[in-house]
Amino acid sequence: YKKEFNKMRGMGILYLQYGQPFTLASTGIKTYLDLKGKVVCAGSPGGSMHQQFFDWVRAHGLDPDKDFKKVVYLPAREAMEALKAGQVDAVMEVSTLPTPTISELALTHDLVLITFAPGYREKLTEAMPQYLPLTLPGGTYKGVDGDVETVGSGAMWGAREDVDEDVIYEIVKAAYSPSGLEYMGKVHAAGKGMSLENAARWTPIPLHSGAEKFFKEAGALN
């Protein structure tokens, strides 16, 4: 961007997005280190998912420009079909849980979620704290019975700093009240991942004063 925009303020984290790069057991790939020399789908065309993926492989000492046999960009369903056909070795995904295409793949194939090699997740989160250490629960996908340590980020909503404090307070209060959280979980699958506990924990920009007021009153912010 040519002009700095610093008037945006956070209203809280809506839900968590999990890094879920995946492959098939037949490839022998288990960690990011195993991706060297492989054909990798780094996300959808025109998206930004590849930027996160490249951060994660760089944390393992791999160079995305040199260490992959090939990097391709495909929509989610096309990427899954390419993996089935052996045209790519691994597919990058960042999404809420569960991701429909991964769930579908796990019904007919031996799914493997690619993980950080020991010690590398800590290395990444120390150097780049915008990535949150997350645990993908075992049983989320068929055949993946154990918990999977990964990283991710929180999807945040926001408002301009000059929006009235009382207006933001009431909006945030409505969304994160028990009835509000129940409603959000009913109208969208991602809403099931919303919680008051996480709402103010990982906001990448300062909170709006109205949101800050509510979270302090609710005990979600010291």
Foldseek 3Di string as FASTA:
>chain_A
DPDDDFQKAFLWFQFWKFKWKKAAVVLVAAALVVQFAFEEEQEAPPDCSNVVVQLLSVLVVDHPVPGYVYYHHHHPVVVLVCRVVVVGGMYIDIGDFPDVSQQVSLVPGQMHTHAHDPPSVVSSCVVPVQKAWDWDCAPSHPNRRHIGIGTTHTDTDIDGLPDDLQVSLVVSCCCAPPVNLVVLVVVDVRSVRGHLLRTPPNDPHHHRNSSVVNNVVVVNHD
